[in-house]
Amino acid sequence: MVKKAEPGISRAERIADVSLERLEKQLESGVNISSAVLAQWIKRYGDSARRIIKKHHCYREAFDRIK
């Protein structure tokens, strides 16, 4: 008997969700994350990371140039 795949959340989406939760927890705890590292978060996770970084008042004007 072959089990049919059912639609759901992809592995990449699950990993992104977990990673973004980790970013949020780090910012909530007051960890000082460098601008370069925050820029990497934005490059990797886009607007979701951008919203979290803005929420915790760590956003820099230079981040606007990151696509």
Protein backbone atom coordinates (compact mmCIF):
# COMPACT_ATOMS: atom_id res chain seq x y z
CA MET A 1 0.00 0.00 0.00
CA VAL A 2 1.47 3.33 -1.07
CA LYS A 3 0.74 6.29 1.16
CA LYS A 4 -0.38 9.31 -0.81
CA ALA A 5 1.35 12.59 0.02
CA GLU A 6 -0.98 15.20 1.39
CA PRO A 7 -0.44 18.93 0.97
CA GLY A 8 0.88 20.72 3.99
CA ILE A 9 3.72 22.89 5.15
CA SER A 10 6.96 22.31 3.30
CA ARG A 11 10.15 21.51 5.15
CA ALA A 12 11.64 24.84 4.06
CA GLU A 13 8.66 26.73 5.50
CA ARG A 14 8.91 24.84 8.80
CA ILE A 15 12.62 25.60 9.04
CA ALA A 16 11.98 29.28 8.25
CA ASP A 17 9.29 29.48 10.94
CA VAL A 18 11.57 27.92 13.56
CA SER A 19 14.46 30.18 12.55
CA LEU A 20 12.35 33.33 12.69
CA GLU A 21 11.10 32.31 16.13
CA ARG A 22 14.74 31.96 17.21
CA LEU A 23 15.52 35.45 15.88
CA GLU A 24 12.56 36.89 17.77
CA LYS A 25 13.60 35.18 21.02
CA GLN A 26 17.16 36.48 20.66
CA LEU A 27 15.97 40.04 20.11
CA GLU A 28 13.48 39.77 22.99
CA SER A 29 16.23 38.64 25.33
CA GLY A 30 18.33 41.68 24.48
CA VAL A 31 21.12 39.88 22.64
CA ASN A 32 23.18 42.45 20.76
CA ILE A 33 23.15 41.23 17.15
CA SER A 34 25.43 43.02 14.72
CA SER A 35 24.03 44.87 11.71
CA ALA A 36 25.83 42.46 9.39
CA VAL A 37 24.08 39.48 10.96
CA LEU A 38 20.69 41.21 10.90
CA ALA A 39 21.27 41.97 7.22
CA GLN A 40 21.86 38.25 6.63
CA TRP A 41 18.56 37.45 8.31
CA ILE A 42 16.81 39.87 5.95
CA LYS A 43 18.58 38.42 2.89
CA ARG A 44 17.57 34.90 3.88
CA TYR A 45 14.05 35.42 5.23
CA GLY A 46 12.95 38.70 3.62
CA ASP A 47 10.07 40.75 4.93
CA SER A 48 9.29 38.34 7.76
CA ALA A 49 12.71 39.00 9.30
CA ARG A 50 12.42 42.70 8.47
CA ARG A 51 9.15 42.94 10.47
CA ILE A 52 10.67 41.20 13.50
CA ILE A 53 13.78 43.40 13.43
CA LYS A 54 11.65 46.56 13.14
CA LYS A 55 9.41 45.37 15.98
CA HIS A 56 12.45 45.22 18.27
CA HIS A 57 13.80 48.62 17.15
CA CYS A 58 16.98 47.17 15.64
CA TYR A 59 16.26 48.21 12.06
CA ARG A 60 18.83 50.37 10.25
CA GLU A 61 18.22 52.60 7.24
CA ALA A 62 20.88 50.63 5.33
CA PHE A 63 18.61 47.56 5.49
CA ASP A 64 16.24 49.27 3.03
CA ARG A 65 18.72 48.52 0.24
CA ILE A 66 18.57 44.78 0.84
CA LYS A 67 16.32 42.94 -1.57
